[in-house]
Each structure stands twice: as C-alpha cells, then as structure tokens.
Amino acid sequence: MAAKTDHLTPLRATRQLRRIRTFYAAAALLWAVAATWTAWTHPGSRQMWVSVGLLAVFVALLGTVALWLRGLRASAGHRPAHHAAPRRASAPRHASA
C-alpha cells in the first residue's frame, strides 16, 4: 500500500524548483549585467572572464531546473486533478437475527 503523502513529493519538488528557478534567473540577470559592465570597462580582464564564467554557470543551472520542471509537469499530466478520493459514508451493517 502506498503512503498517504506520495502525491505531495512532486508538489513540493515543483514548488521548490519554481523558487530556485526565480533565484537562478535573477542570478543570471545579475551576472549578465556584471559581465557586460566589466567587458565594457575592462575588456579581456580576469574579472570579465570570471563574470562570464559565473553567467554560464547560472544559465546552465537555470536550464537544468527548467528541464526538471518540464519533466515533473509531464509526469504529473496523467494524474487526476484531485488527489483525494471522495469520502463515501458506508451504510451501517446490522446483524440479522
């Protein structure tokens, strides 16, 4: 018998991946601005290449999270919208004499 909270794991994972996707998008934007600014002021410097490297890291992380979310969304597509079964009151059983 499956645990009662099995359906919560993909929901939690999706919620957490959406949060981290926002963080990675903000970090990629920050490093894009930093790389552009550094390339403008000090082209070819070590600081520019560090900024470009960190930009590549956060873009790769953002892409990975996007792929994971797409996979979770695809696997959740065959699940019903409501995870809980409807409650049905069972008729009381009486012993007949």
PDB file of N, CA and C in Angstrom:
ATOM      1  N   MET A   1       0.838  -1.172   0.000  1.00  0.00           N
ATOM      2  CA  MET A   1       0.000   0.000   0.000  1.00  0.00           C
ATOM      3  C   MET A   1       0.890   1.245   0.000  1.00  0.00           C
ATOM      4  N   ALA A   2       0.532   2.206  -0.824  1.00  0.00           N
ATOM      5  CA  ALA A   2       1.340   3.419  -0.949  1.00  0.00           C
ATOM      6  C   ALA A   2       1.109   4.333   0.247  1.00  0.00           C
ATOM      7  N   ALA A   3       2.116   5.111   0.554  1.00  0.00           N
ATOM      8  CA  ALA A   3       1.997   6.067   1.649  1.00  0.00           C
ATOM      9  C   ALA A   3       1.000   7.162   1.283  1.00  0.00           C
ATOM     10  N   LYS A   4       0.422   7.761   2.292  1.00  0.00           N
ATOM     11  CA  LYS A   4      -0.589   8.795   2.046  1.00  0.00           C
ATOM     12  C   LYS A   4       0.011  10.067   1.476  1.00  0.00           C
ATOM     13  N   THR A   5       1.277  10.296   1.696  1.00  0.00           N
ATOM     14  CA  THR A   5       1.910  11.545   1.254  1.00  0.00           C
ATOM     15  C   THR A   5       2.713  11.393  -0.028  1.00  0.00           C
ATOM     16  N   ASP A   6       2.532  10.315  -0.766  1.00  0.00           N
ATOM     17  CA  ASP A   6       3.286  10.131  -2.008  1.00  0.00           C
ATOM     18  C   ASP A   6       2.994  11.225  -3.019  1.00  0.00           C
ATOM     19  N   HIS A   7       1.761  11.708  -3.056  1.00  0.00           N
ATOM     20  CA  HIS A   7       1.414  12.734  -4.027  1.00  0.00           C
ATOM     21  C   HIS A   7       1.981  14.094  -3.663  1.00  0.00           C
ATOM     22  N   LEU A   8       2.430  14.286  -2.437  1.00  0.00           N
ATOM     23  CA  LEU A   8       2.972  15.581  -2.025  1.00  0.00           C
ATOM     24  C   LEU A   8       4.398  15.809  -2.518  1.00  0.00           C
ATOM     25  N   THR A   9       5.149  14.751  -2.727  1.00  0.00           N
ATOM     26  CA  THR A   9       6.546  14.910  -3.121  1.00  0.00           C
ATOM     27  C   THR A   9       6.695  15.667  -4.437  1.00  0.00           C
ATOM     28  N   PRO A  10       5.974  15.312  -5.499  1.00  0.00           N
ATOM     29  CA  PRO A  10       6.111  16.117  -6.724  1.00  0.00           C
ATOM     30  C   PRO A  10       5.623  17.550  -6.548  1.00  0.00           C
ATOM     31  N   LEU A  11       4.614  17.757  -5.712  1.00  0.00           N
ATOM     32  CA  LEU A  11       4.137  19.114  -5.486  1.00  0.00           C
ATOM     33  C   LEU A  11       5.190  19.952  -4.771  1.00  0.00           C
ATOM     34  N   ARG A  12       5.823  19.379  -3.754  1.00  0.00           N
ATOM     35  CA  ARG A  12       6.886  20.091  -3.044  1.00  0.00           C
ATOM     36  C   ARG A  12       8.076  20.342  -3.951  1.00  0.00           C
ATOM     37  N   ALA A  13       8.427  19.336  -4.732  1.00  0.00           N
ATOM     38  CA  ALA A  13       9.562  19.491  -5.646  1.00  0.00           C
ATOM     39  C   ALA A  13       9.277  20.580  -6.668  1.00  0.00           C
ATOM     40  N   THR A  14       8.066  20.611  -7.184  1.00  0.00           N
ATOM     41  CA  THR A  14       7.706  21.636  -8.157  1.00  0.00           C
ATOM     42  C   THR A  14       7.765  23.019  -7.532  1.00  0.00           C
ATOM     43  N   ARG A  15       7.237  23.145  -6.323  1.00  0.00           N
ATOM     44  CA  ARG A  15       7.252  24.437  -5.639  1.00  0.00           C
ATOM     45  C   ARG A  15       8.686  24.897  -5.384  1.00  0.00           C
ATOM     46  N   GLN A  16       9.525  23.975  -4.922  1.00  0.00           N
ATOM     47  CA  GLN A  16      10.916  24.329  -4.631  1.00  0.00           C
ATOM     48  C   GLN A  16      11.675  24.658  -5.915  1.00  0.00           C
ATOM     49  N   LEU A  17      11.436  23.907  -6.975  1.00  0.00           N
ATOM     50  CA  LEU A  17      12.119  24.186  -8.239  1.00  0.00           C
ATOM     51  C   LEU A  17      11.674  25.516  -8.828  1.00  0.00           C
ATOM     52  N   ARG A  18      10.433  25.886  -8.629  1.00  0.00           N
ATOM     53  CA  ARG A  18       9.993  27.202  -9.115  1.00  0.00           C
ATOM     54  C   ARG A  18      10.683  28.323  -8.363  1.00  0.00           C
ATOM     55  N   ARG A  19      10.845  28.138  -7.043  1.00  0.00           N
ATOM     56  CA  ARG A  19      11.559  29.157  -6.259  1.00  0.00           C
ATOM     57  C   ARG A  19      13.009  29.268  -6.706  1.00  0.00           C
ATOM     58  N   ILE A  20      13.656  28.131  -6.877  1.00  0.00           N
ATOM     59  CA  ILE A  20      15.072  28.161  -7.243  1.00  0.00           C
ATOM     60  C   ILE A  20      15.245  28.659  -8.679  1.00  0.00           C
ATOM     61  N   ARG A  21      14.233  28.409  -9.537  1.00  0.00           N
ATOM     62  CA  ARG A  21      14.295  28.934 -10.906  1.00  0.00           C
ATOM     63  C   ARG A  21      14.297  30.455 -10.878  1.00  0.00           C
ATOM     64  N   THR A  22      13.492  31.046  -9.997  1.00  0.00           N
ATOM     65  CA  THR A  22      13.472  32.500  -9.860  1.00  0.00           C
ATOM     66  C   THR A  22      14.829  33.012  -9.384  1.00  0.00           C
ATOM     67  N   PHE A  23      15.415  32.308  -8.415  1.00  0.00           N
ATOM     68  CA  PHE A  23      16.734  32.704  -7.914  1.00  0.00           C
ATOM     69  C   PHE A  23      17.783  32.616  -9.019  1.00  0.00           C
ATOM     70  N   TYR A  24      17.802  31.515  -9.776  1.00  0.00           N
ATOM     71  CA  TYR A  24      18.783  31.356 -10.843  1.00  0.00           C
ATOM     72  C   TYR A  24      18.571  32.377 -11.955  1.00  0.00           C
ATOM     73  N   ALA A  25      17.328  32.712 -12.253  1.00  0.00           N
ATOM     74  CA  ALA A  25      17.063  33.730 -13.270  1.00  0.00           C
ATOM     75  C   ALA A  25      17.585  35.086 -12.820  1.00  0.00           C
ATOM     76  N   ALA A  26      17.370  35.421 -11.546  1.00  0.00           N
ATOM     77  CA  ALA A  26      17.881  36.693 -11.021  1.00  0.00           C
ATOM     78  C   ALA A  26      19.409  36.701 -11.018  1.00  0.00           C
ATOM     79  N   ALA A  27      20.011  35.568 -10.631  1.00  0.00           N
ATOM     80  CA  ALA A  27      21.474  35.497 -10.624  1.00  0.00           C
ATOM     81  C   ALA A  27      22.038  35.595 -12.040  1.00  0.00           C
ATOM     82  N   ALA A  28      21.387  34.944 -13.001  1.00  0.00           N
ATOM     83  CA  ALA A  28      21.850  35.030 -14.393  1.00  0.00           C
ATOM     84  C   ALA A  28      21.737  36.462 -14.909  1.00  0.00           C
ATOM     85  N   LEU A  29      20.657  37.141 -14.546  1.00  0.00           N
ATOM     86  CA  LEU A  29      20.500  38.535 -14.947  1.00  0.00           C
ATOM     87  C   LEU A  29      21.579  39.411 -14.314  1.00  0.00           C
ATOM     88  N   LEU A  30      21.838  39.193 -13.031  1.00  0.00           N
ATOM     89  CA  LEU A  30      22.880  39.946 -12.339  1.00  0.00           C
ATOM     90  C   LEU A  30      24.244  39.740 -12.993  1.00  0.00           C
ATOM     91  N   TRP A  31      24.584  38.480 -13.283  1.00  0.00           N
ATOM     92  CA  TRP A  31      25.896  38.214 -13.873  1.00  0.00           C
ATOM     93  C   TRP A  31      25.966  38.653 -15.327  1.00  0.00           C
ATOM     94  N   ALA A  32      24.837  38.706 -16.014  1.00  0.00           N
ATOM     95  CA  ALA A  32      24.844  39.255 -17.379  1.00  0.00           C
ATOM     96  C   ALA A  32      25.170  40.742 -17.342  1.00  0.00           C
ATOM     97  N   VAL A  33      24.561  41.438 -16.379  1.00  0.00           N
ATOM     98  CA  VAL A  33      24.851  42.872 -16.229  1.00  0.00           C
ATOM     99  C   VAL A  33      26.309  43.069 -15.813  1.00  0.00           C
ATOM    100  N   ALA A  34      26.779  42.253 -14.856  1.00  0.00           N
ATOM    101  CA  ALA A  34      28.167  42.381 -14.390  1.00  0.00           C
ATOM    102  C   ALA A  34      29.155  42.072 -15.514  1.00  0.00           C
ATOM    103  N   ALA A  35      28.858  41.036 -16.292  1.00  0.00           N
ATOM    104  CA  ALA A  35      29.767  40.683 -17.393  1.00  0.00           C
ATOM    105  C   ALA A  35      29.787  41.776 -18.456  1.00  0.00           C
ATOM    106  N   THR A  36      28.614  42.337 -18.750  1.00  0.00           N
ATOM    107  CA  THR A  36      28.548  43.419 -19.741  1.00  0.00           C
ATOM    108  C   THR A  36      29.298  44.652 -19.247  1.00  0.00           C
ATOM    109  N   TRP A  37      29.075  45.012 -17.989  1.00  0.00           N
ATOM    110  CA  TRP A  37      29.751  46.178 -17.431  1.00  0.00           C
ATOM    111  C   TRP A  37      31.264  45.975 -17.390  1.00  0.00           C
ATOM    112  N   THR A  38      31.693  44.793 -16.954  1.00  0.00           N
ATOM    113  CA  THR A  38      33.127  44.520 -16.855  1.00  0.00           C
ATOM    114  C   THR A  38      33.763  44.446 -18.238  1.00  0.00           C
ATOM    115  N   ALA A  39      33.042  43.872 -19.192  1.00  0.00           N
ATOM    116  CA  ALA A  39      33.572  43.816 -20.559  1.00  0.00           C
ATOM    117  C   ALA A  39      33.681  45.217 -21.160  1.00  0.00           C
ATOM    118  N   TRP A  40      32.779  46.097 -20.754  1.00  0.00           N
ATOM    119  CA  TRP A  40      32.828  47.473 -21.262  1.00  0.00           C
ATOM    120  C   TRP A  40      33.982  48.252 -20.644  1.00  0.00           C
ATOM    121  N   THR A  41      34.177  48.088 -19.325  1.00  0.00           N
ATOM    122  CA  THR A  41      35.207  48.883 -18.648  1.00  0.00           C
ATOM    123  C   THR A  41      36.598  48.248 -18.723  1.00  0.00           C
ATOM    124  N   HIS A  42      36.678  46.926 -18.644  1.00  0.00           N
ATOM    125  CA  HIS A  42      37.964  46.218 -18.668  1.00  0.00           C
ATOM    126  C   HIS A  42      37.880  45.014 -19.607  1.00  0.00           C
ATOM    127  N   PRO A  43      37.878  45.250 -20.900  1.00  0.00           N
ATOM    128  CA  PRO A  43      37.730  44.121 -21.822  1.00  0.00           C
ATOM    129  C   PRO A  43      38.921  43.152 -21.736  1.00  0.00           C
ATOM    130  N   GLY A  44      38.594  41.877 -21.699  1.00  0.00           N
ATOM    131  CA  GLY A  44      39.628  40.846 -21.674  1.00  0.00           C
ATOM    132  C   GLY A  44      40.287  40.638 -20.321  1.00  0.00           C
ATOM    133  N   SER A  45      39.782  41.285 -19.283  1.00  0.00           N
ATOM    134  CA  SER A  45      40.402  41.147 -17.958  1.00  0.00           C
ATOM    135  C   SER A  45      39.934  39.864 -17.275  1.00  0.00           C
ATOM    136  N   ARG A  46      40.630  39.531 -16.198  1.00  0.00           N
ATOM    137  CA  ARG A  46      40.256  38.349 -15.421  1.00  0.00           C
ATOM    138  C   ARG A  46      38.857  38.516 -14.828  1.00  0.00           C
ATOM    139  N   GLN A  47      38.514  39.716 -14.365  1.00  0.00           N
ATOM    140  CA  GLN A  47      37.192  39.962 -13.802  1.00  0.00           C
ATOM    141  C   GLN A  47      36.098  39.723 -14.833  1.00  0.00           C
ATOM    142  N   MET A  48      36.356  40.110 -16.076  1.00  0.00           N
ATOM    143  CA  MET A  48      35.372  39.883 -17.124  1.00  0.00           C
ATOM    144  C   MET A  48      35.150  38.394 -17.333  1.00  0.00           C
ATOM    145  N   TRP A  49      36.228  37.602 -17.367  1.00  0.00           N
ATOM    146  CA  TRP A  49      36.091  36.173 -17.608  1.00  0.00           C
ATOM    147  C   TRP A  49      35.446  35.457 -16.426  1.00  0.00           C
ATOM    148  N   VAL A  50      35.699  35.941 -15.217  1.00  0.00           N
ATOM    149  CA  VAL A  50      35.003  35.371 -14.054  1.00  0.00           C
ATOM    150  C   VAL A  50      33.511  35.655 -14.147  1.00  0.00           C
ATOM    151  N   SER A  51      33.150  36.871 -14.535  1.00  0.00           N
ATOM    152  CA  SER A  51      31.738  37.218 -14.688  1.00  0.00           C
ATOM    153  C   SER A  51      31.078  36.385 -15.786  1.00  0.00           C
ATOM    154  N   VAL A  52      31.775  36.196 -16.881  1.00  0.00           N
ATOM    155  CA  VAL A  52      31.239  35.377 -17.971  1.00  0.00           C
ATOM    156  C   VAL A  52      31.115  33.918 -17.522  1.00  0.00           C
ATOM    157  N   GLY A  53      32.085  33.433 -16.768  1.00  0.00           N
ATOM    158  CA  GLY A  53      32.016  32.059 -16.264  1.00  0.00           C
ATOM    159  C   GLY A  53      30.852  31.852 -15.308  1.00  0.00           C
ATOM    160  N   LEU A  54      30.655  32.793 -14.378  1.00  0.00           N
ATOM    161  CA  LEU A  54      29.529  32.688 -13.452  1.00  0.00           C
ATOM    162  C   LEU A  54      28.194  32.840 -14.185  1.00  0.00           C
ATOM    163  N   LEU A  55      28.165  33.657 -15.207  1.00  0.00           N
ATOM    164  CA  LEU A  55      26.964  33.763 -16.033  1.00  0.00           C
ATOM    165  C   LEU A  55      26.655  32.422 -16.689  1.00  0.00           C
ATOM    166  N   ALA A  56      27.667  31.758 -17.208  1.00  0.00           N
ATOM    167  CA  ALA A  56      27.465  30.451 -17.840  1.00  0.00           C
ATOM    168  C   ALA A  56      26.981  29.412 -16.827  1.00  0.00           C
ATOM    169  N   VAL A  57      27.518  29.459 -15.616  1.00  0.00           N
ATOM    170  CA  VAL A  57      27.092  28.521 -14.570  1.00  0.00           C
ATOM    171  C   VAL A  57      25.616  28.725 -14.239  1.00  0.00           C
ATOM    172  N   PHE A  58      25.202  29.963 -14.025  1.00  0.00           N
ATOM    173  CA  PHE A  58      23.808  30.204 -13.649  1.00  0.00           C
ATOM    174  C   PHE A  58      22.844  29.961 -14.806  1.00  0.00           C
ATOM    175  N   VAL A  59      23.278  30.196 -16.025  1.00  0.00           N
ATOM    176  CA  VAL A  59      22.423  29.869 -17.172  1.00  0.00           C
ATOM    177  C   VAL A  59      22.272  28.356 -17.296  1.00  0.00           C
ATOM    178  N   ALA A  60      23.341  27.609 -17.057  1.00  0.00           N
ATOM    179  CA  ALA A  60      23.256  26.145 -17.095  1.00  0.00           C
ATOM    180  C   ALA A  60      22.355  25.619 -15.978  1.00  0.00           C
ATOM    181  N   LEU A  61      22.477  26.187 -14.784  1.00  0.00           N
ATOM    182  CA  LEU A  61      21.605  25.786 -13.676  1.00  0.00           C
ATOM    183  C   LEU A  61      20.146  26.125 -13.974  1.00  0.00           C
ATOM    184  N   LEU A  62      19.912  27.279 -14.547  1.00  0.00           N
ATOM    185  CA  LEU A  62      18.554  27.679 -14.917  1.00  0.00           C
ATOM    186  C   LEU A  62      17.979  26.733 -15.964  1.00  0.00           C
ATOM    187  N   GLY A  63      18.774  26.347 -16.932  1.00  0.00           N
ATOM    188  CA  GLY A  63      18.315  25.390 -17.936  1.00  0.00           C
ATOM    189  C   GLY A  63      18.015  24.022 -17.351  1.00  0.00           C
ATOM    190  N   THR A  64      18.847  23.581 -16.410  1.00  0.00           N
ATOM    191  CA  THR A  64      18.623  22.298 -15.760  1.00  0.00           C
ATOM    192  C   THR A  64      17.323  22.306 -14.970  1.00  0.00           C
ATOM    193  N   VAL A  65      17.076  23.377 -14.225  1.00  0.00           N
ATOM    194  CA  VAL A  65      15.841  23.478 -13.452  1.00  0.00           C
ATOM    195  C   VAL A  65      14.638  23.522 -14.387  1.00  0.00           C
ATOM    196  N   ALA A  66      14.758  24.229 -15.494  1.00  0.00           N
ATOM    197  CA  ALA A  66      13.650  24.287 -16.454  1.00  0.00           C
ATOM    198  C   ALA A  66      13.342  22.899 -17.020  1.00  0.00           C
ATOM    199  N   LEU A  67      14.379  22.117 -17.304  1.00  0.00           N
ATOM    200  CA  LEU A  67      14.152  20.760 -17.803  1.00  0.00           C
ATOM    201  C   LEU A  67      13.519  19.867 -16.743  1.00  0.00           C
ATOM    202  N   TRP A  68      13.956  20.000 -15.496  1.00  0.00           N
ATOM    203  CA  TRP A  68      13.356  19.214 -14.410  1.00  0.00           C
ATOM    204  C   TRP A  68      11.891  19.574 -14.229  1.00  0.00           C
ATOM    205  N   LEU A  69      11.580  20.872 -14.279  1.00  0.00           N
ATOM    206  CA  LEU A  69      10.187  21.283 -14.145  1.00  0.00           C
ATOM    207  C   LEU A  69       9.339  20.763 -15.301  1.00  0.00           C
ATOM    208  N   ARG A  70       9.885  20.772 -16.480  1.00  0.00           N
ATOM    209  CA  ARG A  70       9.150  20.238 -17.636  1.00  0.00           C
ATOM    210  C   ARG A  70       8.899  18.745 -17.459  1.00  0.00           C
ATOM    211  N   GLY A  71       9.896  18.027 -16.944  1.00  0.00           N
ATOM    212  CA  GLY A  71       9.720  16.597 -16.688  1.00  0.00           C
ATOM    213  C   GLY A  71       8.686  16.329 -15.610  1.00  0.00           C
ATOM    214  N   LEU A  72       8.696  17.121 -14.547  1.00  0.00           N
ATOM    215  CA  LEU A  72       7.696  16.957 -13.489  1.00  0.00           C
ATOM    216  C   LEU A  72       6.302  17.300 -14.002  1.00  0.00           C
ATOM    217  N   ARG A  73       6.215  18.310 -14.824  1.00  0.00           N
ATOM    218  CA  ARG A  73       4.922  18.695 -15.380  1.00  0.00           C
ATOM    219  C   ARG A  73       4.393  17.603 -16.311  1.00  0.00           C
ATOM    220  N   ALA A  74       5.286  16.996 -17.078  1.00  0.00           N
ATOM    221  CA  ALA A  74       4.870  15.936 -17.988  1.00  0.00           C
ATOM    222  C   ALA A  74       4.444  14.684 -17.219  1.00  0.00           C
ATOM    223  N   SER A  75       5.162  14.357 -16.146  1.00  0.00           N
ATOM    224  CA  SER A  75       4.802  13.173 -15.371  1.00  0.00           C
ATOM    225  C   SER A  75       3.538  13.409 -14.562  1.00  0.00           C
ATOM    226  N   ALA A  76       3.244  14.643 -14.214  1.00  0.00           N
ATOM    227  CA  ALA A  76       2.034  14.943 -13.458  1.00  0.00           C
ATOM    228  C   ALA A  76       0.826  15.091 -14.374  1.00  0.00           C
ATOM    229  N   GLY A  77       1.045  15.092 -15.669  1.00  0.00           N
ATOM    230  CA  GLY A  77      -0.058  15.270 -16.610  1.00  0.00           C
ATOM    231  C   GLY A  77      -1.044  14.126 -16.616  1.00  0.00           C
ATOM    232  N   HIS A  78      -0.617  12.932 -16.274  1.00  0.00           N
ATOM    233  CA  HIS A  78      -1.525  11.794 -16.284  1.00  0.00           C
ATOM    234  C   HIS A  78      -2.193  11.562 -14.938  1.00  0.00           C
ATOM    235  N   ARG A  79      -1.956  12.432 -13.979  1.00  0.00           N
ATOM    236  CA  ARG A  79      -2.579  12.309 -12.668  1.00  0.00           C
ATOM    237  C   ARG A  79      -3.906  13.057 -12.650  1.00  0.00           C
ATOM    238  N   PRO A  80      -4.837  12.602 -11.838  1.00  0.00           N
ATOM    239  CA  PRO A  80      -6.086  13.350 -11.721  1.00  0.00           C
ATOM    240  C   PRO A  80      -5.857  14.681 -11.018  1.00  0.00           C
ATOM    241  N   ALA A  81      -6.765  15.618 -11.238  1.00  0.00           N
ATOM    242  CA  ALA A  81      -6.619  16.937 -10.648  1.00  0.00           C
ATOM    243  C   ALA A  81      -6.743  16.887  -9.126  1.00  0.00           C
ATOM    244  N   HIS A  82      -7.641  16.067  -8.619  1.00  0.00           N
ATOM    245  CA  HIS A  82      -7.827  15.937  -7.173  1.00  0.00           C
ATOM    246  C   HIS A  82      -7.225  14.625  -6.731  1.00  0.00           C
ATOM    247  N   HIS A  83      -6.333  14.713  -5.775  1.00  0.00           N
ATOM    248  CA  HIS A  83      -5.632  13.519  -5.339  1.00  0.00           C
ATOM    249  C   HIS A  83      -6.413  12.724  -4.306  1.00  0.00           C
ATOM    250  N   ALA A  84      -7.312  13.370  -3.586  1.00  0.00           N
ATOM    251  CA  ALA A  84      -8.043  12.665  -2.548  1.00  0.00           C
ATOM    252  C   ALA A  84      -9.280  12.000  -3.142  1.00  0.00           C
ATOM    253  N   ALA A  85      -9.532  10.802  -2.723  1.00  0.00           N
ATOM    254  CA  ALA A  85     -10.731  10.095  -3.168  1.00  0.00           C
ATOM    255  C   ALA A  85     -11.933  10.694  -2.444  1.00  0.00           C
ATOM    256  N   PRO A  86     -13.081  10.724  -3.092  1.00  0.00           N
ATOM    257  CA  PRO A  86     -14.262  11.261  -2.409  1.00  0.00           C
ATOM    258  C   PRO A  86     -14.640  10.372  -1.234  1.00  0.00           C
ATOM    259  N   ARG A  87     -15.091  11.018  -0.176  1.00  0.00           N
ATOM    260  CA  ARG A  87     -15.484  10.257   1.007  1.00  0.00           C
ATOM    261  C   ARG A  87     -16.914   9.779   0.831  1.00  0.00           C
ATOM    262  N   ARG A  88     -17.095   8.501   1.041  1.00  0.00           N
ATOM    263  CA  ARG A  88     -18.429   7.924   0.951  1.00  0.00           C
ATOM    264  C   ARG A  88     -18.763   7.304   2.287  1.00  0.00           C
ATOM    265  N   ALA A  89     -19.912   7.643   2.769  1.00  0.00           N
ATOM    266  CA  ALA A  89     -20.336   7.079   4.039  1.00  0.00           C
ATOM    267  C   ALA A  89     -20.815   5.651   3.791  1.00  0.00           C
ATOM    268  N   SER A  90     -20.277   4.745   4.523  1.00  0.00           N
ATOM    269  CA  SER A  90     -20.692   3.361   4.363  1.00  0.00           C
ATOM    270  C   SER A  90     -21.934   3.129   5.217  1.00  0.00           C
ATOM    271  N   ALA A  91     -22.834   2.344   4.677  1.00  0.00           N
ATOM    272  CA  ALA A  91     -24.081   2.041   5.396  1.00  0.00           C
ATOM    273  C   ALA A  91     -23.750   1.137   6.578  1.00  0.00           C
ATOM    274  N   PRO A  92     -24.380   1.400   7.722  1.00  0.00           N
ATOM    275  CA  PRO A  92     -24.104   0.534   8.872  1.00  0.00           C
ATOM    276  C   PRO A  92     -24.607  -0.880   8.619  1.00  0.00           C
ATOM    277  N   ARG A  93     -23.840  -1.827   9.027  1.00  0.00           N
ATOM    278  CA  ARG A  93     -24.206  -3.230   8.824  1.00  0.00           C
ATOM    279  C   ARG A  93     -24.858  -3.741  10.107  1.00  0.00           C
ATOM    280  N   HIS A  94     -26.019  -4.277   9.927  1.00  0.00           N
ATOM    281  CA  HIS A  94     -26.762  -4.813  11.070  1.00  0.00           C
ATOM    282  C   HIS A  94     -26.799  -6.337  10.955  1.00  0.00           C
ATOM    283  N   ALA A  95     -26.603  -6.953  12.043  1.00  0.00           N
ATOM    284  CA  ALA A  95     -26.713  -8.411  12.053  1.00  0.00           C
ATOM    285  C   ALA A  95     -28.191  -8.777  12.106  1.00  0.00           C
ATOM    286  N   SER A  96     -28.609  -9.589  11.175  1.00  0.00           N
ATOM    287  CA  SER A  96     -30.000 -10.014  11.190  1.00  0.00           C
ATOM    288  C   SER A  96     -30.161 -11.229  12.073  1.00  0.00           C
ATOM    289  N   ALA A  97     -31.225 -11.235  12.794  1.00  0.00           N
ATOM    290  CA  ALA A  97     -31.437 -12.313  13.760  1.00  0.00           C
ATOM    291  C   ALA A  97     -32.184 -13.478  13.193  1.00  0.00           C
TER     292      ALA A  97
END
